[in-house]
N, C-alpha and C. Protein backbone atom coordinates (compact mmCIF):
# COMPACT_ATOMS: atom_id res chain seq x y z
N MET A 1 0.84 -1.17 0.00
CA MET A 1 0.00 0.00 0.00
C MET A 1 0.89 1.24 0.00
N ASP A 2 0.62 2.13 -0.92
CA ASP A 2 1.48 3.31 -1.00
C ASP A 2 1.09 4.33 0.06
N ASN A 3 1.90 5.37 0.16
CA ASN A 3 1.68 6.36 1.20
C ASN A 3 0.63 7.39 0.83
N ASP A 4 -0.09 7.20 -0.25
CA ASP A 4 -1.15 8.11 -0.63
C ASP A 4 -2.51 7.60 -0.18
N LYS A 5 -2.53 6.77 0.83
CA LYS A 5 -3.76 6.23 1.38
C LYS A 5 -4.19 7.09 2.56
N PHE A 6 -5.50 7.23 2.73
CA PHE A 6 -6.03 8.09 3.76
C PHE A 6 -6.94 7.33 4.71
N ILE A 7 -7.27 8.00 5.80
CA ILE A 7 -8.20 7.47 6.80
C ILE A 7 -9.44 8.36 6.79
N PHE A 8 -10.60 7.74 6.75
CA PHE A 8 -11.85 8.48 6.92
C PHE A 8 -12.37 8.12 8.30
N CYS A 9 -12.39 9.10 9.19
CA CYS A 9 -12.80 8.88 10.58
C CYS A 9 -14.18 9.48 10.81
N LEU A 10 -15.04 8.68 11.36
CA LEU A 10 -16.37 9.14 11.74
C LEU A 10 -16.53 8.88 13.23
N GLU A 11 -16.66 9.95 14.01
CA GLU A 11 -16.78 9.82 15.46
C GLU A 11 -18.21 10.13 15.90
N GLY A 12 -18.78 9.23 16.67
CA GLY A 12 -20.09 9.45 17.25
C GLY A 12 -19.97 10.37 18.45
N VAL A 13 -20.72 11.46 18.43
CA VAL A 13 -20.70 12.44 19.52
C VAL A 13 -22.14 12.68 19.99
N PRO A 14 -22.31 13.20 21.21
CA PRO A 14 -23.67 13.45 21.71
C PRO A 14 -24.43 14.50 20.89
N ASP A 15 -23.71 15.53 20.39
CA ASP A 15 -24.36 16.60 19.64
C ASP A 15 -23.36 17.21 18.66
N ILE A 16 -23.66 17.13 17.37
CA ILE A 16 -22.71 17.65 16.37
C ILE A 16 -22.64 19.17 16.38
N GLU A 17 -23.62 19.83 17.00
CA GLU A 17 -23.61 21.29 17.09
C GLU A 17 -22.54 21.79 18.05
N THR A 18 -22.10 20.95 18.95
CA THR A 18 -21.03 21.31 19.88
C THR A 18 -19.71 21.24 19.14
N ASN A 19 -19.05 22.36 19.04
CA ASN A 19 -17.80 22.44 18.30
C ASN A 19 -16.64 22.22 19.27
N GLU A 20 -16.29 20.96 19.47
CA GLU A 20 -15.27 20.59 20.45
C GLU A 20 -14.19 19.75 19.77
N THR A 21 -12.93 20.05 20.07
CA THR A 21 -11.84 19.23 19.56
C THR A 21 -11.71 18.01 20.45
N THR A 22 -11.96 16.84 19.89
CA THR A 22 -11.91 15.61 20.67
C THR A 22 -10.50 15.03 20.69
N GLU A 23 -10.29 14.10 21.58
CA GLU A 23 -9.00 13.42 21.64
C GLU A 23 -8.70 12.69 20.33
N VAL A 24 -9.74 12.15 19.71
CA VAL A 24 -9.57 11.45 18.44
C VAL A 24 -9.04 12.40 17.38
N LEU A 25 -9.64 13.59 17.27
CA LEU A 25 -9.19 14.57 16.29
C LEU A 25 -7.75 15.00 16.57
N ARG A 26 -7.42 15.24 17.83
CA ARG A 26 -6.03 15.60 18.18
C ARG A 26 -5.06 14.50 17.76
N ASN A 27 -5.44 13.25 17.98
CA ASN A 27 -4.56 12.14 17.62
C ASN A 27 -4.43 11.99 16.11
N LEU A 28 -5.49 12.24 15.37
CA LEU A 28 -5.40 12.20 13.91
C LEU A 28 -4.50 13.32 13.37
N GLU A 29 -4.60 14.49 13.98
CA GLU A 29 -3.72 15.60 13.60
C GLU A 29 -2.27 15.26 13.89
N GLN A 30 -2.03 14.64 15.04
CA GLN A 30 -0.69 14.22 15.40
C GLN A 30 -0.18 13.15 14.42
N LEU A 31 -1.03 12.25 14.02
CA LEU A 31 -0.68 11.21 13.05
C LEU A 31 -0.26 11.84 11.72
N ALA A 32 -0.97 12.86 11.31
CA ALA A 32 -0.64 13.55 10.06
C ALA A 32 0.71 14.25 10.17
N LEU A 33 0.95 14.92 11.29
CA LEU A 33 2.20 15.64 11.48
C LEU A 33 3.40 14.71 11.62
N GLU A 34 3.26 13.67 12.43
CA GLU A 34 4.38 12.80 12.74
C GLU A 34 4.64 11.73 11.68
N GLN A 35 3.57 11.19 11.07
CA GLN A 35 3.74 10.06 10.16
C GLN A 35 3.26 10.36 8.75
N GLY A 36 2.74 11.55 8.52
CA GLY A 36 2.31 11.94 7.19
C GLY A 36 1.07 11.22 6.68
N ILE A 37 0.25 10.69 7.59
CA ILE A 37 -0.96 9.97 7.19
C ILE A 37 -2.14 10.94 7.28
N ALA A 38 -2.70 11.27 6.13
CA ALA A 38 -3.80 12.23 6.06
C ALA A 38 -5.12 11.55 6.41
N SER A 39 -6.05 12.36 6.92
CA SER A 39 -7.36 11.83 7.26
C SER A 39 -8.42 12.89 7.06
N ILE A 40 -9.63 12.42 6.91
CA ILE A 40 -10.82 13.26 6.94
C ILE A 40 -11.53 12.89 8.23
N TYR A 41 -11.94 13.88 8.98
CA TYR A 41 -12.60 13.65 10.26
C TYR A 41 -13.98 14.30 10.23
N LYS A 42 -14.99 13.53 10.60
CA LYS A 42 -16.35 14.04 10.70
C LYS A 42 -16.97 13.49 11.97
N THR A 43 -17.97 14.19 12.45
CA THR A 43 -18.73 13.70 13.59
C THR A 43 -20.16 13.41 13.15
N CYS A 44 -20.81 12.56 13.91
CA CYS A 44 -22.23 12.30 13.67
C CYS A 44 -22.88 12.02 15.00
N ASP A 45 -24.18 12.31 15.09
CA ASP A 45 -24.90 12.03 16.32
C ASP A 45 -26.16 11.20 16.06
N THR A 46 -26.37 10.82 14.80
CA THR A 46 -27.51 9.97 14.43
C THR A 46 -27.07 8.98 13.36
N ILE A 47 -27.86 7.95 13.15
CA ILE A 47 -27.57 6.98 12.09
C ILE A 47 -27.70 7.65 10.73
N GLU A 48 -28.61 8.61 10.63
CA GLU A 48 -28.77 9.35 9.38
C GLU A 48 -27.52 10.19 9.09
N GLY A 49 -26.94 10.75 10.14
CA GLY A 49 -25.70 11.51 9.97
C GLY A 49 -24.55 10.61 9.53
N LEU A 50 -24.50 9.41 10.08
CA LEU A 50 -23.48 8.44 9.67
C LEU A 50 -23.67 8.10 8.19
N GLU A 51 -24.90 7.82 7.80
CA GLU A 51 -25.19 7.45 6.41
C GLU A 51 -24.91 8.63 5.47
N GLU A 52 -25.29 9.83 5.87
CA GLU A 52 -25.05 11.01 5.03
C GLU A 52 -23.55 11.25 4.84
N SER A 53 -22.78 11.13 5.91
CA SER A 53 -21.33 11.33 5.81
C SER A 53 -20.71 10.30 4.88
N LEU A 54 -21.15 9.06 5.00
CA LEU A 54 -20.63 8.00 4.15
C LEU A 54 -21.01 8.25 2.69
N ASN A 55 -22.26 8.63 2.45
CA ASN A 55 -22.70 8.89 1.08
C ASN A 55 -21.98 10.08 0.47
N THR A 56 -21.73 11.12 1.27
CA THR A 56 -20.96 12.27 0.78
C THR A 56 -19.57 11.82 0.38
N LEU A 57 -18.95 10.99 1.20
CA LEU A 57 -17.62 10.48 0.89
C LEU A 57 -17.65 9.66 -0.40
N LEU A 58 -18.64 8.79 -0.52
CA LEU A 58 -18.73 7.91 -1.68
C LEU A 58 -19.01 8.66 -2.98
N HIS A 59 -19.93 9.60 -2.92
CA HIS A 59 -20.43 10.20 -4.15
C HIS A 59 -19.83 11.55 -4.50
N HIS A 60 -19.20 12.22 -3.54
CA HIS A 60 -18.70 13.56 -3.81
C HIS A 60 -17.20 13.71 -3.64
N ASP A 61 -16.55 12.71 -3.10
CA ASP A 61 -15.10 12.77 -2.93
C ASP A 61 -14.47 11.87 -3.97
N HIS A 62 -13.85 12.49 -4.95
CA HIS A 62 -13.28 11.72 -6.06
C HIS A 62 -12.05 10.92 -5.65
N ASN A 63 -11.58 11.12 -4.44
CA ASN A 63 -10.43 10.38 -3.93
C ASN A 63 -10.85 9.21 -3.04
N PHE A 64 -12.13 8.80 -3.11
CA PHE A 64 -12.62 7.75 -2.22
C PHE A 64 -11.76 6.50 -2.28
N THR A 65 -11.25 6.15 -3.45
CA THR A 65 -10.43 4.95 -3.56
C THR A 65 -9.15 5.05 -2.74
N ASP A 66 -8.74 6.29 -2.42
CA ASP A 66 -7.54 6.48 -1.60
C ASP A 66 -7.79 6.27 -0.11
N TYR A 67 -9.05 6.18 0.30
CA TYR A 67 -9.36 5.96 1.70
C TYR A 67 -9.32 4.47 1.98
N GLU A 68 -8.23 4.05 2.59
CA GLU A 68 -8.02 2.64 2.86
C GLU A 68 -8.75 2.19 4.13
N ILE A 69 -8.80 3.08 5.11
CA ILE A 69 -9.36 2.73 6.41
C ILE A 69 -10.57 3.62 6.71
N ILE A 70 -11.67 2.98 7.05
CA ILE A 70 -12.84 3.68 7.56
C ILE A 70 -12.80 3.45 9.07
N TYR A 71 -12.52 4.51 9.80
CA TYR A 71 -12.26 4.46 11.24
C TYR A 71 -13.50 4.95 11.98
N LEU A 72 -14.17 4.04 12.67
CA LEU A 72 -15.40 4.37 13.38
C LEU A 72 -15.13 4.44 14.88
N VAL A 73 -15.33 5.60 15.45
CA VAL A 73 -15.12 5.82 16.88
C VAL A 73 -16.50 6.12 17.47
N MET A 74 -17.14 5.06 17.92
CA MET A 74 -18.51 5.19 18.41
C MET A 74 -18.71 4.32 19.63
N PRO A 75 -19.46 4.83 20.58
CA PRO A 75 -19.76 4.01 21.75
C PRO A 75 -20.69 2.87 21.36
N GLY A 76 -20.82 1.93 22.24
CA GLY A 76 -21.72 0.81 22.01
C GLY A 76 -21.35 -0.35 22.88
N GLU A 77 -22.02 -1.43 22.64
CA GLU A 77 -21.74 -2.67 23.35
C GLU A 77 -21.26 -3.67 22.32
N ALA A 78 -21.12 -4.90 22.74
CA ALA A 78 -20.63 -5.93 21.81
C ALA A 78 -21.51 -5.96 20.55
N ASN A 79 -20.89 -5.73 19.44
CA ASN A 79 -21.50 -5.87 18.12
C ASN A 79 -22.66 -4.93 17.84
N ASN A 80 -22.63 -3.76 18.47
CA ASN A 80 -23.55 -2.70 18.09
C ASN A 80 -22.91 -1.36 18.37
N ILE A 81 -23.47 -0.32 17.78
CA ILE A 81 -23.02 1.03 18.07
C ILE A 81 -24.19 1.80 18.66
N CYS A 82 -23.89 2.86 19.36
CA CYS A 82 -24.93 3.67 19.98
C CYS A 82 -24.78 5.11 19.50
N LEU A 83 -25.83 5.62 18.87
CA LEU A 83 -25.87 7.01 18.44
C LEU A 83 -27.18 7.61 18.94
N ASN A 84 -27.05 8.71 19.67
CA ASN A 84 -28.23 9.41 20.16
C ASN A 84 -29.14 8.48 20.97
N ASP A 85 -28.55 7.65 21.80
CA ASP A 85 -29.25 6.70 22.67
C ASP A 85 -29.99 5.58 21.93
N TYR A 86 -29.71 5.40 20.65
CA TYR A 86 -30.28 4.29 19.89
C TYR A 86 -29.16 3.33 19.54
N TYR A 87 -29.45 2.04 19.66
CA TYR A 87 -28.46 1.02 19.35
C TYR A 87 -28.73 0.44 17.96
N TYR A 88 -27.64 0.26 17.21
CA TYR A 88 -27.72 -0.31 15.86
C TYR A 88 -26.76 -1.49 15.80
N SER A 89 -27.25 -2.62 15.36
CA SER A 89 -26.41 -3.82 15.28
C SER A 89 -25.42 -3.69 14.13
N LEU A 90 -24.36 -4.47 14.21
CA LEU A 90 -23.40 -4.47 13.10
C LEU A 90 -24.03 -5.03 11.83
N GLN A 91 -25.04 -5.86 11.98
CA GLN A 91 -25.77 -6.34 10.80
C GLN A 91 -26.48 -5.16 10.11
N GLU A 92 -27.08 -4.28 10.90
CA GLU A 92 -27.72 -3.09 10.33
C GLU A 92 -26.68 -2.17 9.68
N ILE A 93 -25.53 -2.04 10.33
CA ILE A 93 -24.45 -1.21 9.78
C ILE A 93 -23.96 -1.82 8.47
N ALA A 94 -23.82 -3.15 8.43
CA ALA A 94 -23.39 -3.82 7.20
C ALA A 94 -24.37 -3.53 6.08
N GLU A 95 -25.66 -3.58 6.37
CA GLU A 95 -26.66 -3.31 5.34
C GLU A 95 -26.63 -1.85 4.90
N LEU A 96 -26.31 -0.96 5.83
CA LEU A 96 -26.16 0.46 5.50
C LEU A 96 -24.98 0.68 4.55
N PHE A 97 -23.90 -0.08 4.76
CA PHE A 97 -22.69 0.02 3.95
C PHE A 97 -22.72 -0.91 2.73
N GLU A 98 -23.84 -1.54 2.47
CA GLU A 98 -23.93 -2.62 1.48
C GLU A 98 -23.21 -2.30 0.17
N GLY A 99 -22.20 -3.12 -0.12
CA GLY A 99 -21.44 -3.02 -1.35
C GLY A 99 -20.59 -1.77 -1.50
N LYS A 100 -20.54 -0.94 -0.48
CA LYS A 100 -19.87 0.36 -0.59
C LYS A 100 -18.43 0.38 -0.07
N MET A 101 -17.99 -0.70 0.55
CA MET A 101 -16.70 -0.70 1.22
C MET A 101 -15.66 -1.60 0.56
N LYS A 102 -15.77 -1.82 -0.72
CA LYS A 102 -14.86 -2.72 -1.43
C LYS A 102 -13.40 -2.36 -1.17
N GLY A 103 -12.67 -3.35 -0.63
CA GLY A 103 -11.24 -3.18 -0.40
C GLY A 103 -10.87 -2.36 0.82
N LYS A 104 -11.83 -1.93 1.61
CA LYS A 104 -11.56 -1.08 2.78
C LYS A 104 -11.39 -1.93 4.04
N ILE A 105 -10.67 -1.35 4.98
CA ILE A 105 -10.59 -1.92 6.32
C ILE A 105 -11.51 -1.06 7.19
N ILE A 106 -12.50 -1.69 7.80
CA ILE A 106 -13.39 -1.00 8.72
C ILE A 106 -12.82 -1.23 10.12
N HIS A 107 -12.37 -0.17 10.75
CA HIS A 107 -11.72 -0.31 12.05
C HIS A 107 -12.51 0.43 13.12
N PHE A 108 -12.87 -0.29 14.19
CA PHE A 108 -13.58 0.28 15.32
C PHE A 108 -12.59 0.57 16.44
N ALA A 109 -12.65 1.78 16.99
CA ALA A 109 -11.86 2.11 18.17
C ALA A 109 -12.42 1.34 19.36
N ASN A 110 -11.69 1.33 20.45
CA ASN A 110 -12.14 0.55 21.62
C ASN A 110 -13.20 1.28 22.46
N ALA A 111 -13.93 2.20 21.85
CA ALA A 111 -15.08 2.80 22.53
C ALA A 111 -16.21 1.78 22.62
N LYS A 112 -16.10 0.70 21.86
CA LYS A 112 -17.05 -0.41 21.89
C LYS A 112 -16.30 -1.72 21.70
N ILE A 113 -16.91 -2.79 22.10
CA ILE A 113 -16.32 -4.11 21.94
C ILE A 113 -16.69 -4.67 20.57
N LEU A 114 -15.77 -5.34 19.94
CA LEU A 114 -16.02 -6.05 18.69
C LEU A 114 -15.80 -7.53 18.97
N ASP A 115 -16.86 -8.30 18.94
CA ASP A 115 -16.77 -9.73 19.25
C ASP A 115 -17.68 -10.49 18.29
N LEU A 116 -17.17 -10.76 17.11
CA LEU A 116 -17.96 -11.40 16.06
C LEU A 116 -17.67 -12.89 15.99
N SER A 117 -18.70 -13.67 15.73
CA SER A 117 -18.48 -15.07 15.40
C SER A 117 -17.95 -15.09 13.96
N GLN A 118 -17.43 -16.23 13.53
CA GLN A 118 -16.92 -16.33 12.17
C GLN A 118 -18.04 -16.03 11.16
N ASP A 119 -19.25 -16.51 11.43
CA ASP A 119 -20.38 -16.27 10.53
C ASP A 119 -20.77 -14.79 10.49
N GLU A 120 -20.78 -14.13 11.65
CA GLU A 120 -21.11 -12.70 11.70
C GLU A 120 -20.07 -11.87 10.95
N ALA A 121 -18.80 -12.22 11.16
CA ALA A 121 -17.74 -11.49 10.46
C ALA A 121 -17.85 -11.70 8.95
N GLN A 122 -18.08 -12.93 8.53
CA GLN A 122 -18.20 -13.22 7.10
C GLN A 122 -19.39 -12.49 6.49
N TYR A 123 -20.50 -12.44 7.22
CA TYR A 123 -21.68 -11.71 6.75
C TYR A 123 -21.33 -10.23 6.53
N PHE A 124 -20.68 -9.62 7.52
CA PHE A 124 -20.31 -8.21 7.42
C PHE A 124 -19.40 -7.98 6.21
N LEU A 125 -18.40 -8.82 6.06
CA LEU A 125 -17.46 -8.67 4.95
C LEU A 125 -18.16 -8.88 3.61
N ASP A 126 -19.01 -9.90 3.52
CA ASP A 126 -19.71 -10.19 2.26
C ASP A 126 -20.66 -9.07 1.87
N VAL A 127 -21.42 -8.57 2.83
CA VAL A 127 -22.42 -7.53 2.52
C VAL A 127 -21.76 -6.20 2.18
N THR A 128 -20.75 -5.81 2.94
CA THR A 128 -20.12 -4.51 2.72
C THR A 128 -19.09 -4.52 1.60
N GLY A 129 -18.51 -5.69 1.35
CA GLY A 129 -17.41 -5.77 0.40
C GLY A 129 -16.07 -5.38 1.02
N ALA A 130 -16.06 -5.14 2.33
CA ALA A 130 -14.83 -4.72 3.01
C ALA A 130 -13.78 -5.82 2.94
N TYR A 131 -12.53 -5.39 2.96
CA TYR A 131 -11.39 -6.30 2.97
C TYR A 131 -11.23 -6.94 4.35
N ALA A 132 -11.47 -6.12 5.39
CA ALA A 132 -11.31 -6.61 6.77
C ALA A 132 -12.11 -5.72 7.71
N ILE A 133 -12.40 -6.27 8.88
CA ILE A 133 -13.01 -5.51 9.96
C ILE A 133 -12.15 -5.77 11.20
N SER A 134 -11.84 -4.69 11.91
CA SER A 134 -10.98 -4.85 13.08
C SER A 134 -11.49 -4.00 14.23
N GLY A 135 -11.02 -4.36 15.41
CA GLY A 135 -11.41 -3.65 16.62
C GLY A 135 -10.84 -4.35 17.83
N TYR A 136 -11.53 -4.25 18.94
CA TYR A 136 -10.99 -4.73 20.20
C TYR A 136 -12.03 -5.52 20.98
N GLY A 137 -11.58 -6.56 21.64
CA GLY A 137 -12.46 -7.38 22.47
C GLY A 137 -12.62 -6.83 23.87
N SER A 138 -11.86 -5.79 24.19
CA SER A 138 -11.92 -5.20 25.52
C SER A 138 -12.15 -3.70 25.41
N LYS A 139 -13.12 -3.22 26.14
CA LYS A 139 -13.39 -1.78 26.21
C LYS A 139 -12.71 -1.27 27.46
N TYR A 140 -11.44 -0.96 27.34
CA TYR A 140 -10.66 -0.54 28.49
C TYR A 140 -10.61 0.98 28.51
N ASN A 141 -11.42 1.59 29.33
CA ASN A 141 -11.63 3.03 29.31
C ASN A 141 -10.41 3.87 29.68
N LYS A 142 -9.48 3.30 30.40
CA LYS A 142 -8.32 4.08 30.82
C LYS A 142 -7.31 4.28 29.70
N ILE A 143 -7.40 3.44 28.68
CA ILE A 143 -6.48 3.55 27.54
C ILE A 143 -7.32 3.60 26.27
N PRO A 144 -7.58 4.81 25.74
CA PRO A 144 -8.30 4.86 24.47
C PRO A 144 -7.39 4.35 23.35
N SER A 145 -7.92 3.49 22.52
CA SER A 145 -7.10 2.91 21.45
C SER A 145 -6.58 3.97 20.50
N CYS A 146 -7.30 5.10 20.38
CA CYS A 146 -6.89 6.13 19.43
C CYS A 146 -5.56 6.77 19.80
N SER A 147 -5.13 6.62 21.04
CA SER A 147 -3.90 7.30 21.45
C SER A 147 -2.63 6.59 21.01
N THR A 148 -2.62 5.29 20.96
CA THR A 148 -1.38 4.59 20.65
C THR A 148 -1.56 3.49 19.62
N ILE A 149 -2.34 2.52 19.96
CA ILE A 149 -2.39 1.31 19.14
C ILE A 149 -3.07 1.54 17.79
N ASP A 150 -4.11 2.38 17.75
CA ASP A 150 -4.74 2.66 16.46
C ASP A 150 -3.75 3.36 15.53
N LYS A 151 -2.99 4.31 16.09
CA LYS A 151 -2.00 5.01 15.26
C LYS A 151 -0.95 4.04 14.73
N ALA A 152 -0.52 3.11 15.56
CA ALA A 152 0.46 2.11 15.11
C ALA A 152 -0.15 1.23 14.02
N PHE A 153 -1.40 0.81 14.20
CA PHE A 153 -2.10 0.00 13.21
C PHE A 153 -2.21 0.75 11.88
N PHE A 154 -2.60 2.02 11.92
CA PHE A 154 -2.74 2.81 10.70
C PHE A 154 -1.40 2.97 9.99
N ASN A 155 -0.35 3.18 10.76
CA ASN A 155 0.98 3.31 10.18
C ASN A 155 1.40 2.01 9.49
N LEU A 156 1.16 0.88 10.13
CA LEU A 156 1.52 -0.40 9.52
C LEU A 156 0.70 -0.67 8.26
N CYS A 157 -0.55 -0.22 8.24
CA CYS A 157 -1.37 -0.37 7.03
C CYS A 157 -0.79 0.43 5.87
N GLN A 158 -0.09 1.51 6.18
CA GLN A 158 0.57 2.31 5.15
C GLN A 158 1.83 1.61 4.63
N GLU A 159 2.54 0.95 5.53
CA GLU A 159 3.84 0.37 5.20
C GLU A 159 3.75 -1.01 4.56
N LEU A 160 2.76 -1.81 4.97
CA LEU A 160 2.70 -3.21 4.57
C LEU A 160 1.44 -3.50 3.75
N ASP A 161 1.53 -4.48 2.86
CA ASP A 161 0.38 -4.84 2.03
C ASP A 161 -0.42 -6.00 2.60
N ASP A 162 0.24 -6.93 3.24
CA ASP A 162 -0.41 -8.16 3.70
C ASP A 162 -1.03 -7.96 5.07
N ILE A 163 -2.32 -8.20 5.19
CA ILE A 163 -3.04 -7.95 6.44
C ILE A 163 -2.52 -8.84 7.58
N VAL A 164 -2.14 -10.07 7.28
CA VAL A 164 -1.60 -10.97 8.30
C VAL A 164 -0.26 -10.42 8.81
N GLU A 165 0.55 -9.94 7.89
CA GLU A 165 1.84 -9.35 8.26
C GLU A 165 1.63 -8.10 9.12
N ILE A 166 0.61 -7.31 8.80
CA ILE A 166 0.30 -6.11 9.58
C ILE A 166 -0.03 -6.49 11.02
N VAL A 167 -0.89 -7.49 11.18
CA VAL A 167 -1.30 -7.92 12.53
C VAL A 167 -0.12 -8.52 13.29
N GLU A 168 0.69 -9.33 12.62
CA GLU A 168 1.86 -9.92 13.29
C GLU A 168 2.82 -8.83 13.76
N GLU A 169 3.07 -7.86 12.90
CA GLU A 169 3.98 -6.76 13.24
C GLU A 169 3.41 -5.92 14.40
N LEU A 170 2.11 -5.68 14.36
CA LEU A 170 1.46 -4.93 15.43
C LEU A 170 1.63 -5.65 16.76
N HIS A 171 1.44 -6.96 16.75
CA HIS A 171 1.61 -7.74 17.99
C HIS A 171 3.07 -7.77 18.44
N GLN A 172 4.00 -7.80 17.50
CA GLN A 172 5.41 -7.80 17.89
C GLN A 172 5.80 -6.47 18.53
N LYS A 173 5.34 -5.37 17.96
CA LYS A 173 5.74 -4.05 18.45
C LYS A 173 4.94 -3.58 19.65
N HIS A 174 3.70 -4.03 19.78
CA HIS A 174 2.82 -3.54 20.84
C HIS A 174 2.08 -4.70 21.50
N TYR A 175 2.82 -5.72 21.86
CA TYR A 175 2.20 -6.94 22.38
C TYR A 175 1.32 -6.68 23.60
N ALA A 176 1.84 -5.94 24.57
CA ALA A 176 1.10 -5.72 25.81
C ALA A 176 -0.23 -5.01 25.55
N LEU A 177 -0.22 -3.99 24.70
CA LEU A 177 -1.46 -3.28 24.39
C LEU A 177 -2.42 -4.15 23.58
N CYS A 178 -1.89 -4.89 22.61
CA CYS A 178 -2.74 -5.80 21.82
C CYS A 178 -3.43 -6.81 22.74
N LYS A 179 -2.68 -7.30 23.71
CA LYS A 179 -3.22 -8.28 24.65
C LYS A 179 -4.23 -7.63 25.60
N LEU A 180 -3.87 -6.47 26.16
CA LEU A 180 -4.74 -5.77 27.10
C LEU A 180 -6.07 -5.37 26.46
N LEU A 181 -6.01 -4.83 25.24
CA LEU A 181 -7.22 -4.38 24.56
C LEU A 181 -7.85 -5.48 23.70
N ASP A 182 -7.15 -6.61 23.57
CA ASP A 182 -7.64 -7.76 22.80
C ASP A 182 -7.93 -7.37 21.34
N PHE A 183 -6.88 -6.91 20.65
CA PHE A 183 -7.00 -6.52 19.24
C PHE A 183 -7.51 -7.70 18.41
N ARG A 184 -8.47 -7.42 17.54
CA ARG A 184 -9.07 -8.47 16.70
C ARG A 184 -9.17 -7.98 15.25
N LEU A 185 -8.96 -8.91 14.34
CA LEU A 185 -9.12 -8.60 12.93
C LEU A 185 -9.76 -9.78 12.25
N TYR A 186 -10.80 -9.50 11.48
CA TYR A 186 -11.51 -10.52 10.71
C TYR A 186 -11.34 -10.17 9.24
N TYR A 187 -10.97 -11.15 8.43
CA TYR A 187 -10.81 -10.89 7.00
C TYR A 187 -11.22 -12.08 6.18
């Protein structure tokens, strides 16, 4: 993967009208400055906002093919996200993204747990067309994944082509964090 790949980050917030710089945005800015990885950052507070942001990216950004990682930072529980106090299953999210994520890595921050069975993961990948889905089996609130391990993962995605090699390298360099947060990747 060449260095012209970008990250599209969508963060779930309580109210998009609140103009606040989040830790996620600060970390993405730091990633751009330190490692040269560009990103687009948007917030959403409803499922409609999530869908609108995705559709804008798909239909109005001619560089969509350059977005390798769709980074979702949203609260939730195992296998669902929560926006505006409503829960949406990953199956619903897969149907929302239907056929739109060809070749992308959908990465969830540890604001929610990702615990898919092999069948659930395969369904998500088949419906969305995504190359992989990744996240964490542990929602460890004291260590937000966006601060260290997500940045390392994004950097490795820039440097390496093989997803297995990316995960192996991530575990070699950040074993304790991978273990603590229970990094998971389905492909």
